[in-house]
Amino acid sequence: MAYENIKCRIFKGWESDMNILAAGLGGLCRGGVEKTRLADKLRLEADSLLACPDYDDKIQDCGNCRAIAARRKCRAELNSKKKIRPALYLAGNREYFK
């Protein structure tokens, strides 16, 4: 997504990186180390925007930026908590590896 209407230099600096990371999360069909790594990076970048030193609650762009960053952080946290259970199990044991 493009957020051309937000005229903030800090947001513009992080926007393309977050878009790339979010697209990477959406494009990976399986979980695992790579998905967790991307989710962690996305969460850190969203946290950087949420902790913006120039935030002003009276400015609409700041509110939009914070809403976008919060949504991206939520998505990152959901993806980093997903676990994939392999289809292998020990003979005689019906519990899957965790």
Protein backbone atom coordinates (compact mmCIF):
# COMPACT_ATOMS: atom_id res chain seq x y z
CA MET A 1 0.00 0.00 0.00
CA ALA A 2 1.11 3.51 -0.60
CA TYR A 3 0.49 6.24 1.93
CA GLU A 4 1.47 9.25 -0.18
CA ASN A 5 -0.77 11.61 1.80
CA ILE A 6 1.32 11.30 4.96
CA LYS A 7 3.87 14.08 4.77
CA CYS A 8 6.22 13.01 7.54
CA ARG A 9 9.92 12.49 6.88
CA ILE A 10 10.19 9.85 9.63
CA PHE A 11 7.26 7.85 8.27
CA LYS A 12 8.57 8.11 4.71
CA GLY A 13 11.91 6.71 5.89
CA TRP A 14 10.30 3.61 7.44
CA GLU A 15 7.40 3.06 5.03
CA SER A 16 9.23 1.23 2.25
CA ASP A 17 11.06 -1.08 4.67
CA MET A 18 7.85 -2.00 6.46
CA ASN A 19 6.08 -2.63 3.15
CA ILE A 20 8.86 -4.98 2.03
CA LEU A 21 8.78 -6.88 5.34
CA ALA A 22 4.97 -7.12 5.33
CA ALA A 23 4.99 -8.38 1.75
CA GLY A 24 7.61 -10.96 2.72
CA LEU A 25 5.43 -12.20 5.56
CA GLY A 26 2.44 -12.49 3.26
CA GLY A 27 4.44 -14.29 0.60
CA LEU A 28 5.85 -17.02 2.77
CA CYS A 29 3.52 -19.99 2.72
CA ARG A 30 5.17 -21.76 5.66
CA GLY A 31 6.35 -20.57 9.02
CA GLY A 32 9.71 -21.16 10.51
CA VAL A 33 12.89 -19.24 11.07
CA GLU A 34 12.56 -16.89 8.09
CA LYS A 35 9.00 -15.90 8.93
CA THR A 36 9.91 -15.28 12.56
CA ARG A 37 12.93 -13.19 11.53
CA LEU A 38 10.81 -11.03 9.22
CA ALA A 39 8.10 -10.66 11.86
CA ASP A 40 10.66 -9.57 14.47
CA LYS A 41 12.15 -6.98 12.11
CA LEU A 42 8.69 -5.64 11.25
CA ARG A 43 7.81 -5.40 14.95
CA LEU A 44 11.01 -3.46 15.70
CA GLU A 45 10.37 -1.02 12.86
CA ALA A 46 6.77 -0.52 13.96
CA ASP A 47 7.99 0.09 17.52
CA SER A 48 10.34 2.77 16.19
CA LEU A 49 7.41 4.61 14.64
CA LEU A 50 5.27 4.18 17.75
CA ALA A 51 8.06 5.76 19.83
CA CYS A 52 8.45 8.73 17.45
CA PRO A 53 9.92 11.76 19.22
CA ASP A 54 8.01 14.14 16.89
CA TYR A 55 4.56 12.64 17.65
CA ASP A 56 1.83 15.24 18.09
CA ASP A 57 -1.71 14.03 18.77
CA LYS A 58 -3.11 17.19 17.15
CA ILE A 59 -1.64 16.33 13.74
CA GLN A 60 -3.69 13.99 11.54
CA ASP A 61 -0.60 12.51 9.85
CA CYS A 62 0.76 11.48 13.25
CA GLY A 63 -2.49 9.72 14.08
CA ASN A 64 -2.50 7.91 10.73
CA CYS A 65 1.15 6.93 11.09
CA ARG A 66 0.55 5.58 14.58
CA ALA A 67 -2.49 3.58 13.40
CA ILE A 68 -0.48 2.06 10.53
CA ALA A 69 2.44 1.22 12.82
CA ALA A 70 0.12 -0.35 15.41
CA ARG A 71 -1.51 -2.51 12.72
CA ARG A 72 1.88 -3.62 11.40
CA LYS A 73 3.07 -4.43 14.93
CA CYS A 74 -0.05 -6.51 15.55
CA ARG A 75 0.52 -8.41 12.31
CA ALA A 76 4.16 -9.02 13.21
CA GLU A 77 3.27 -10.32 16.66
CA LEU A 78 0.66 -12.66 15.25
CA ASN A 79 3.13 -14.06 12.72
CA SER A 80 5.97 -14.50 15.20
CA LYS A 81 3.74 -16.50 17.57
CA LYS A 82 2.56 -19.01 14.98
CA LYS A 83 4.17 -22.40 15.29
CA ILE A 84 4.36 -25.03 12.61
CA ARG A 85 4.06 -28.63 13.67
CA PRO A 86 5.83 -31.00 11.33
CA ALA A 87 3.95 -34.05 10.14
CA LEU A 88 6.51 -36.35 11.76
CA TYR A 89 5.96 -38.08 15.05
CA LEU A 90 7.86 -40.62 17.10
CA ALA A 91 6.87 -44.23 16.65
CA GLY A 92 4.57 -45.19 19.49
CA ASN A 93 4.05 -41.55 20.47
CA ARG A 94 1.13 -39.63 19.03
CA GLU A 95 2.35 -36.22 20.16
CA TYR A 96 3.87 -34.10 17.42
CA PHE A 97 7.19 -32.40 17.88
CA LYS A 98 6.84 -28.91 19.30
